PDB file of N, CA and C in Angstrom:
ATOM      1  N   UNK A   1      -3.389  -8.865  11.014  1.00  0.00           N
ATOM      2  CA  UNK A   1      -3.775  -7.955  10.224  1.00  0.00           C
ATOM      3  C   UNK A   1      -3.999  -6.684  10.427  1.00  0.00           C
ATOM      4  N   UNK A   2      -3.716  -6.292  11.567  1.00  0.00           N
ATOM      5  CA  UNK A   2      -3.684  -4.656  11.861  1.00  0.00           C
ATOM      6  C   UNK A   2      -1.947  -4.548  11.440  1.00  0.00           C
ATOM      7  N   UNK A   3      -1.101  -5.276  11.319  1.00  0.00           N
ATOM      8  CA  UNK A   3       0.135  -4.654  11.135  1.00  0.00           C
ATOM      9  C   UNK A   3       0.010  -4.414   9.222  1.00  0.00           C
ATOM     10  N   UNK A   4      -0.561  -5.543   8.471  1.00  0.00           N
ATOM     11  CA  UNK A   4      -0.760  -4.881   7.018  1.00  0.00           C
ATOM     12  C   UNK A   4      -1.490  -4.050   6.881  1.00  0.00           C
ATOM     13  N   UNK A   5      -2.532  -3.414   7.485  1.00  0.00           N
ATOM     14  CA  UNK A   5      -3.214  -2.180   7.237  1.00  0.00           C
ATOM     15  C   UNK A   5      -2.376  -1.043   7.833  1.00  0.00           C
ATOM     16  N   UNK A   6      -1.694  -0.985   8.943  1.00  0.00           N
ATOM     17  CA  UNK A   6      -0.827  -0.007   9.372  1.00  0.00           C
ATOM     18  C   UNK A   6       0.360   0.204   8.335  1.00  0.00           C
ATOM     19  N   UNK A   7       1.007  -0.771   8.085  1.00  0.00           N
ATOM     20  CA  UNK A   7       2.342  -0.691   7.328  1.00  0.00           C
ATOM     21  C   UNK A   7       1.916  -0.525   5.921  1.00  0.00           C
ATOM     22  N   UNK A   8       0.915  -0.925   5.342  1.00  0.00           N
ATOM     23  CA  UNK A   8       0.383  -0.646   3.982  1.00  0.00           C
ATOM     24  C   UNK A   8      -0.095   0.686   3.795  1.00  0.00           C
ATOM     25  N   UNK A   9      -0.142   1.384   4.795  1.00  0.00           N
ATOM     26  CA  UNK A   9      -0.583   2.692   4.491  1.00  0.00           C
ATOM     27  C   UNK A   9      -2.355   2.534   3.904  1.00  0.00           C
ATOM     28  N   UNK A  10      -2.908   1.596   4.560  1.00  0.00           N
ATOM     29  CA  UNK A  10      -4.330   1.336   3.635  1.00  0.00           C
ATOM     30  C   UNK A  10      -4.980   2.483   3.604  1.00  0.00           C
ATOM     31  N   UNK A  11      -5.249   3.112   4.641  1.00  0.00           N
ATOM     32  CA  UNK A  11      -6.186   4.338   5.113  1.00  0.00           C
ATOM     33  C   UNK A  11      -6.015   5.309   4.226  1.00  0.00           C
ATOM     34  N   UNK A  12      -4.440   5.676   4.089  1.00  0.00           N
ATOM     35  CA  UNK A  12      -3.712   6.758   3.418  1.00  0.00           C
ATOM     36  C   UNK A  12      -4.107   6.614   1.751  1.00  0.00           C
ATOM     37  N   UNK A  13      -3.840   5.572   1.218  1.00  0.00           N
ATOM     38  CA  UNK A  13      -3.985   5.214  -0.140  1.00  0.00           C
ATOM     39  C   UNK A  13      -5.477   5.058  -0.485  1.00  0.00           C
ATOM     40  N   UNK A  14      -6.537   4.820   0.353  1.00  0.00           N
ATOM     41  CA  UNK A  14      -7.849   4.668   0.100  1.00  0.00           C
ATOM     42  C   UNK A  14      -8.502   6.130   0.257  1.00  0.00           C
ATOM     43  N   UNK A  15      -8.060   6.958   0.955  1.00  0.00           N
ATOM     44  CA  UNK A  15      -8.667   8.240   1.447  1.00  0.00           C
ATOM     45  C   UNK A  15      -7.825   9.156   1.537  1.00  0.00           C
ATOM     46  N   UNK A  16      -7.309   9.392   0.610  1.00  0.00           N
ATOM     47  CA  UNK A  16      -6.199  10.345   0.259  1.00  0.00           C
ATOM     48  C   UNK A  16      -6.610  11.154  -1.220  1.00  0.00           C
ATOM     49  N   UNK A  17      -6.058  12.572  -1.561  1.00  0.00           N
ATOM     50  CA  UNK A  17      -5.695  13.048  -2.524  1.00  0.00           C
ATOM     51  C   UNK A  17      -4.601  12.377  -3.267  1.00  0.00           C
ATOM     52  N   UNK A  18      -4.337  12.414  -4.566  1.00  0.00           N
ATOM     53  CA  UNK A  18      -3.207  12.051  -4.840  1.00  0.00           C
ATOM     54  C   UNK A  18      -2.598  13.155  -5.995  1.00  0.00           C
ATOM     55  N   UNK A  19      -1.481  13.488  -5.861  1.00  0.00           N
ATOM     56  CA  UNK A  19      -0.532  14.303  -6.746  1.00  0.00           C
ATOM     57  C   UNK A  19       0.270  13.387  -7.111  1.00  0.00           C
ATOM     58  N   UNK A  20       0.724  13.421  -8.624  1.00  0.00           N
ATOM     59  CA  UNK A  20       1.544  12.799  -9.307  1.00  0.00           C
ATOM     60  C   UNK A  20       2.698  13.502 -10.237  1.00  0.00           C
ATOM     61  N   UNK A  21       3.654  12.985 -10.535  1.00  0.00           N
ATOM     62  CA  UNK A  21       4.436  13.017 -11.743  1.00  0.00           C
ATOM     63  C   UNK A  21       5.262  11.844 -12.058  1.00  0.00           C
ATOM     64  N   UNK A  22       6.082  12.086 -13.044  1.00  0.00           N
ATOM     65  CA  UNK A  22       6.911  11.084 -13.532  1.00  0.00           C
ATOM     66  C   UNK A  22       7.935  10.417 -12.623  1.00  0.00           C
ATOM     67  N   UNK A  23       8.024  11.166 -11.530  1.00  0.00           N
ATOM     68  CA  UNK A  23       9.538  10.989 -10.505  1.00  0.00           C
ATOM     69  C   UNK A  23       8.799  10.751  -9.454  1.00  0.00           C
ATOM     70  N   UNK A  24       7.490  11.270  -9.139  1.00  0.00           N
ATOM     71  CA  UNK A  24       6.897  10.618  -7.561  1.00  0.00           C
ATOM     72  C   UNK A  24       5.381  10.552  -7.406  1.00  0.00           C
ATOM     73  N   UNK A  25       4.630   9.841  -6.426  1.00  0.00           N
ATOM     74  CA  UNK A  25       3.317   9.981  -5.800  1.00  0.00           C
ATOM     75  C   UNK A  25       3.307  10.748  -4.496  1.00  0.00           C
ATOM     76  N   UNK A  26       2.335  11.619  -4.200  1.00  0.00           N
ATOM     77  CA  UNK A  26       2.278  11.979  -2.905  1.00  0.00           C
ATOM     78  C   UNK A  26       0.702  11.792  -2.777  1.00  0.00           C
ATOM     79  N   UNK A  27       0.356  11.400  -1.462  1.00  0.00           N
ATOM     80  CA  UNK A  27      -0.746  11.292  -0.732  1.00  0.00           C
ATOM     81  C   UNK A  27      -0.987  12.195  -0.060  1.00  0.00           C
ATOM     82  N   UNK A  28      -2.214  13.201   0.239  1.00  0.00           N
ATOM     83  CA  UNK A  28      -2.541  14.006   0.930  1.00  0.00           C
ATOM     84  C   UNK A  28      -3.722  13.635   1.649  1.00  0.00           C
ATOM     85  N   UNK A  29      -3.358  13.135   2.907  1.00  0.00           N
ATOM     86  CA  UNK A  29      -4.303  12.400   3.760  1.00  0.00           C
ATOM     87  C   UNK A  29      -5.074  13.297   5.082  1.00  0.00           C
ATOM     88  N   UNK A  30      -6.039  13.794   5.154  1.00  0.00           N
ATOM     89  CA  UNK A  30      -6.491  14.137   6.326  1.00  0.00           C
ATOM     90  C   UNK A  30      -6.926  13.557   7.515  1.00  0.00           C
ATOM     91  N   UNK A  31      -6.056  14.217   8.590  1.00  0.00           N
ATOM     92  CA  UNK A  31      -5.808  13.502   9.753  1.00  0.00           C
ATOM     93  C   UNK A  31      -7.337  13.571  10.003  1.00  0.00           C
ATOM     94  N   UNK A  32      -7.374  12.252  11.194  1.00  0.00           N
ATOM     95  CA  UNK A  32      -8.646  12.044  11.728  1.00  0.00           C
ATOM     96  C   UNK A  32      -9.037  13.100  12.952  1.00  0.00           C
ATOM     97  N   UNK A  33      -9.216  14.270  12.660  1.00  0.00           N
ATOM     98  CA  UNK A  33      -9.557  15.365  13.662  1.00  0.00           C
ATOM     99  C   UNK A  33     -10.385  16.126  13.162  1.00  0.00           C
ATOM    100  N   UNK A  34     -11.177  17.339  14.409  1.00  0.00           N
ATOM    101  CA  UNK A  34     -12.227  18.066  14.179  1.00  0.00           C
ATOM    102  C   UNK A  34     -11.661  19.208  13.328  1.00  0.00           C
ATOM    103  N   UNK A  35     -10.404  19.752  13.505  1.00  0.00           N
ATOM    104  CA  UNK A  35     -10.002  20.976  12.978  1.00  0.00           C
ATOM    105  C   UNK A  35      -9.359  19.748  11.841  1.00  0.00           C
ATOM    106  N   UNK A  36      -9.506  20.570  10.628  1.00  0.00           N
ATOM    107  CA  UNK A  36      -8.517  20.314   9.135  1.00  0.00           C
ATOM    108  C   UNK A  36      -7.266  20.515   9.181  1.00  0.00           C
ATOM    109  N   UNK A  37      -6.629  19.380   8.873  1.00  0.00           N
ATOM    110  CA  UNK A  37      -5.079  19.544   9.054  1.00  0.00           C
ATOM    111  C   UNK A  37      -4.846  17.902   8.234  1.00  0.00           C
ATOM    112  N   UNK A  38      -3.576  17.808   7.217  1.00  0.00           N
ATOM    113  CA  UNK A  38      -3.305  17.272   6.386  1.00  0.00           C
ATOM    114  C   UNK A  38      -1.981  16.451   6.971  1.00  0.00           C
ATOM    115  N   UNK A  39      -1.647  15.284   6.595  1.00  0.00           N
ATOM    116  CA  UNK A  39      -0.417  14.552   6.441  1.00  0.00           C
ATOM    117  C   UNK A  39      -0.211  14.503   4.689  1.00  0.00           C
ATOM    118  N   UNK A  40       1.274  14.510   4.385  1.00  0.00           N
ATOM    119  CA  UNK A  40       1.539  14.107   3.139  1.00  0.00           C
ATOM    120  C   UNK A  40       2.436  12.802   3.016  1.00  0.00           C
ATOM    121  N   UNK A  41       2.213  12.100   2.378  1.00  0.00           N
ATOM    122  CA  UNK A  41       3.496  10.516   2.026  1.00  0.00           C
ATOM    123  C   UNK A  41       3.461  10.890   0.910  1.00  0.00           C
ATOM    124  N   UNK A  42       4.999  11.156   0.542  1.00  0.00           N
ATOM    125  CA  UNK A  42       5.850  11.174  -0.554  1.00  0.00           C
ATOM    126  C   UNK A  42       6.452  10.238  -0.778  1.00  0.00           C
ATOM    127  N   UNK A  43       6.491   9.422  -2.021  1.00  0.00           N
ATOM    128  CA  UNK A  43       6.807   8.400  -2.672  1.00  0.00           C
ATOM    129  C   UNK A  43       7.859   8.670  -3.845  1.00  0.00           C
ATOM    130  N   UNK A  44       8.810   8.383  -3.869  1.00  0.00           N
ATOM    131  CA  UNK A  44       9.867   8.627  -5.256  1.00  0.00           C
ATOM    132  C   UNK A  44       9.215   7.173  -5.787  1.00  0.00           C
ATOM    133  N   UNK A  45       9.315   7.094  -7.258  1.00  0.00           N
ATOM    134  CA  UNK A  45       8.672   6.104  -8.057  1.00  0.00           C
ATOM    135  C   UNK A  45       9.574   5.300  -7.037  1.00  0.00           C
ATOM    136  N   UNK A  46      10.281   4.756  -7.471  1.00  0.00           N
ATOM    137  CA  UNK A  46      11.182   3.344  -7.003  1.00  0.00           C
ATOM    138  C   UNK A  46      10.685   2.988  -5.515  1.00  0.00           C
ATOM    139  N   UNK A  47      10.814   4.099  -4.722  1.00  0.00           N
ATOM    140  CA  UNK A  47      10.097   3.729  -3.437  1.00  0.00           C
ATOM    141  C   UNK A  47       8.979   3.136  -3.377  1.00  0.00           C
ATOM    142  N   UNK A  48       7.857   3.911  -4.435  1.00  0.00           N
ATOM    143  CA  UNK A  48       6.642   3.450  -4.005  1.00  0.00           C
ATOM    144  C   UNK A  48       6.672   1.708  -4.556  1.00  0.00           C
ATOM    145  N   UNK A  49       7.494   1.633  -6.065  1.00  0.00           N
ATOM    146  CA  UNK A  49       6.968   0.381  -6.383  1.00  0.00           C
ATOM    147  C   UNK A  49       7.732  -0.512  -5.062  1.00  0.00           C
ATOM    148  N   UNK A  50       8.796  -0.227  -4.543  1.00  0.00           N
ATOM    149  CA  UNK A  50       9.226  -1.358  -3.016  1.00  0.00           C
ATOM    150  C   UNK A  50       8.228  -1.321  -2.300  1.00  0.00           C
ATOM    151  N   UNK A  51       7.332  -0.332  -1.855  1.00  0.00           N
ATOM    152  CA  UNK A  51       6.555  -0.189  -0.877  1.00  0.00           C
ATOM    153  C   UNK A  51       5.614  -1.030  -1.273  1.00  0.00           C
ATOM    154  N   UNK A  52       5.139  -1.211  -2.503  1.00  0.00           N
ATOM    155  CA  UNK A  52       3.775  -1.902  -2.909  1.00  0.00           C
ATOM    156  C   UNK A  52       4.163  -3.469  -2.944  1.00  0.00           C
ATOM    157  N   UNK A  53       5.469  -4.087  -3.217  1.00  0.00           N
ATOM    158  CA  UNK A  53       6.041  -5.248  -3.345  1.00  0.00           C
ATOM    159  C   UNK A  53       6.256  -5.621  -1.928  1.00  0.00           C
ATOM    160  N   UNK A  54       6.772  -4.995  -0.611  1.00  0.00           N
ATOM    161  CA  UNK A  54       6.750  -5.323   0.451  1.00  0.00           C
ATOM    162  C   UNK A  54       4.995  -5.758   0.840  1.00  0.00           C
ATOM    163  N   UNK A  55       4.500  -4.729   0.765  1.00  0.00           N
ATOM    164  CA  UNK A  55       2.858  -4.868   1.147  1.00  0.00           C
ATOM    165  C   UNK A  55       2.637  -6.287   0.536  1.00  0.00           C
ATOM    166  N   UNK A  56       2.669  -6.713  -0.826  1.00  0.00           N
ATOM    167  CA  UNK A  56       2.068  -7.959  -1.103  1.00  0.00           C
ATOM    168  C   UNK A  56       2.727  -9.024  -0.499  1.00  0.00           C
ATOM    169  N   UNK A  57       3.887  -9.025  -0.256  1.00  0.00           N
ATOM    170  CA  UNK A  57       4.660 -10.091   0.209  1.00  0.00           C
ATOM    171  C   UNK A  57       3.998 -10.277   1.649  1.00  0.00           C
ATOM    172  N   UNK A  58       4.068  -9.302   2.056  1.00  0.00           N
ATOM    173  CA  UNK A  58       3.554  -9.267   3.917  1.00  0.00           C
ATOM    174  C   UNK A  58       2.313 -10.066   3.779  1.00  0.00           C
ATOM    175  N   UNK A  59       1.019  -9.519   2.916  1.00  0.00           N
ATOM    176  CA  UNK A  59      -0.176 -10.481   2.964  1.00  0.00           C
ATOM    177  C   UNK A  59      -0.359 -11.564   2.263  1.00  0.00           C
ATOM    178  N   UNK A  60       0.836 -11.811   1.429  1.00  0.00           N
ATOM    179  CA  UNK A  60       0.850 -13.189   0.587  1.00  0.00           C
ATOM    180  C   UNK A  60       1.444 -14.306   1.958  1.00  0.00           C
ATOM    181  N   UNK A  61       2.416 -13.489   2.656  1.00  0.00           N
ATOM    182  CA  UNK A  61       2.903 -14.384   3.741  1.00  0.00           C
ATOM    183  C   UNK A  61       1.568 -14.591   4.777  1.00  0.00           C
ATOM    184  N   UNK A  62       0.942 -13.725   5.020  1.00  0.00           N
ATOM    185  CA  UNK A  62      -0.380 -13.854   5.736  1.00  0.00           C
ATOM    186  C   UNK A  62      -1.265 -15.147   5.395  1.00  0.00           C
ATOM    187  N   UNK A  63      -1.554 -15.034   4.080  1.00  0.00           N
ATOM    188  CA  UNK A  63      -2.410 -16.014   3.222  1.00  0.00           C
ATOM    189  C   UNK A  63      -1.775 -17.114   3.534  1.00  0.00           C
ATOM    190  N   UNK A  64      -0.500 -17.554   3.379  1.00  0.00           N
ATOM    191  CA  UNK A  64       0.285 -18.609   3.337  1.00  0.00           C
ATOM    192  C   UNK A  64       0.327 -19.363   4.630  1.00  0.00           C
ATOM    193  N   UNK A  65       0.385 -18.262   5.844  1.00  0.00           N
ATOM    194  CA  UNK A  65       0.891 -18.865   7.240  1.00  0.00           C
ATOM    195  C   UNK A  65      -1.016 -19.420   7.574  1.00  0.00           C
ATOM    196  N   UNK A  66      -1.834 -18.617   7.184  1.00  0.00           N
ATOM    197  CA  UNK A  66      -3.432 -19.660   7.612  1.00  0.00           C
ATOM    198  C   UNK A  66      -4.124 -20.100   6.712  1.00  0.00           C
ATOM    199  N   UNK A  67      -3.175 -20.687   5.790  1.00  0.00           N
ATOM    200  CA  UNK A  67      -3.602 -21.876   4.610  1.00  0.00           C
ATOM    201  C   UNK A  67      -4.564 -21.075   4.216  1.00  0.00           C
ATOM    202  N   UNK A  68      -4.684 -19.718   3.809  1.00  0.00           N
ATOM    203  CA  UNK A  68      -5.869 -19.226   2.869  1.00  0.00           C
ATOM    204  C   UNK A  68      -5.649 -19.265   1.298  1.00  0.00           C
ATOM    205  N   UNK A  69      -6.554 -19.648   0.674  1.00  0.00           N
ATOM    206  CA  UNK A  69      -6.088 -20.022  -0.938  1.00  0.00           C
ATOM    207  C   UNK A  69      -6.661 -18.454  -1.384  1.00  0.00           C
ATOM    208  N   UNK A  70      -5.510 -17.705  -2.430  1.00  0.00           N
ATOM    209  CA  UNK A  70      -6.183 -16.315  -2.844  1.00  0.00           C
ATOM    210  C   UNK A  70      -7.003 -16.787  -4.187  1.00  0.00           C
ATOM    211  N   UNK A  71      -7.675 -15.957  -4.705  1.00  0.00           N
ATOM    212  CA  UNK A  71      -8.267 -16.073  -5.570  1.00  0.00           C
ATOM    213  C   UNK A  71      -7.223 -15.883  -6.967  1.00  0.00           C
ATOM    214  N   UNK A  72      -7.937 -16.048  -7.959  1.00  0.00           N
ATOM    215  CA  UNK A  72      -6.687 -16.069  -8.875  1.00  0.00           C
ATOM    216  C   UNK A  72      -6.048 -14.602  -9.327  1.00  0.00           C
ATOM    217  N   UNK A  73      -7.088 -13.375  -9.257  1.00  0.00           N
ATOM    218  CA  UNK A  73      -6.400 -12.199  -9.573  1.00  0.00           C
ATOM    219  C   UNK A  73      -5.306 -11.903  -8.757  1.00  0.00           C
ATOM    220  N   UNK A  74      -5.856 -11.960  -7.241  1.00  0.00           N
ATOM    221  CA  UNK A  74      -4.745 -11.377  -6.492  1.00  0.00           C
ATOM    222  C   UNK A  74      -3.637 -12.383  -6.549  1.00  0.00           C
ATOM    223  N   UNK A  75      -3.611 -13.604  -6.181  1.00  0.00           N
ATOM    224  CA  UNK A  75      -2.331 -14.198  -7.142  1.00  0.00           C
ATOM    225  C   UNK A  75      -1.262 -13.812  -8.213  1.00  0.00           C
ATOM    226  N   UNK A  76      -2.274 -13.707  -9.157  1.00  0.00           N
ATOM    227  CA  UNK A  76      -1.456 -12.932 -10.208  1.00  0.00           C
ATOM    228  C   UNK A  76      -0.902 -11.923  -9.998  1.00  0.00           C
ATOM    229  N   UNK A  77      -1.861 -10.949  -9.448  1.00  0.00           N
ATOM    230  CA  UNK A  77      -1.220  -9.543  -8.704  1.00  0.00           C
ATOM    231  C   UNK A  77       0.184  -9.500  -7.939  1.00  0.00           C
ATOM    232  N   UNK A  78       0.186 -10.272  -6.887  1.00  0.00           N
ATOM    233  CA  UNK A  78       1.411 -11.137  -5.918  1.00  0.00           C
ATOM    234  C   UNK A  78       2.368 -11.209  -6.868  1.00  0.00           C
ATOM    235  N   UNK A  79       2.434 -12.372  -7.809  1.00  0.00           N
ATOM    236  CA  UNK A  79       3.117 -12.540  -8.446  1.00  0.00           C
ATOM    237  C   UNK A  79       4.004 -11.515  -9.451  1.00  0.00           C
ATOM    238  N   UNK A  80       3.092 -10.746  -9.905  1.00  0.00           N
ATOM    239  CA  UNK A  80       3.700  -9.685 -10.536  1.00  0.00           C
ATOM    240  C   UNK A  80       4.795  -8.393  -9.669  1.00  0.00           C
ATOM    241  N   UNK A  81       4.036  -8.296  -8.622  1.00  0.00           N
ATOM    242  CA  UNK A  81       4.364  -7.290  -7.938  1.00  0.00           C
ATOM    243  C   UNK A  81       5.886  -7.544  -7.337  1.00  0.00           C
ATOM    244  N   UNK A  82       5.587  -9.115  -6.891  1.00  0.00           N
ATOM    245  CA  UNK A  82       7.155  -9.107  -6.412  1.00  0.00           C
ATOM    246  C   UNK A  82       7.942  -9.885  -6.994  1.00  0.00           C
ATOM    247  N   UNK A  83       7.689 -10.141  -8.590  1.00  0.00           N
ATOM    248  CA  UNK A  83       8.779 -10.648  -9.594  1.00  0.00           C
ATOM    249  C   UNK A  83       9.963  -9.531  -9.374  1.00  0.00           C
ATOM    250  N   UNK A  84      11.085 -10.187  -9.771  1.00  0.00           N
ATOM    251  CA  UNK A  84      12.244  -9.592  -9.616  1.00  0.00           C
ATOM    252  C   UNK A  84      12.469  -9.063 -11.247  1.00  0.00           C
TER     253      UNK A  84
END
């Protein structure tokens, strides 16, 4: 589960400001420190789609390995995200 959280950049996506245009999306994420600083995570459009697909596959494989049945919406999202 830690791998899914870390590799998906879950905290970055959840707790960031987002800047985007038609070619890229950038997440501006505050570092967890007392002095303010931030990291940026920039994805080109194709790279971001690839990242989402890899996350969905990893999460789906995790559910399969544990014999967890996904709810309908999660399953539909996964099938769309990893469809080629």
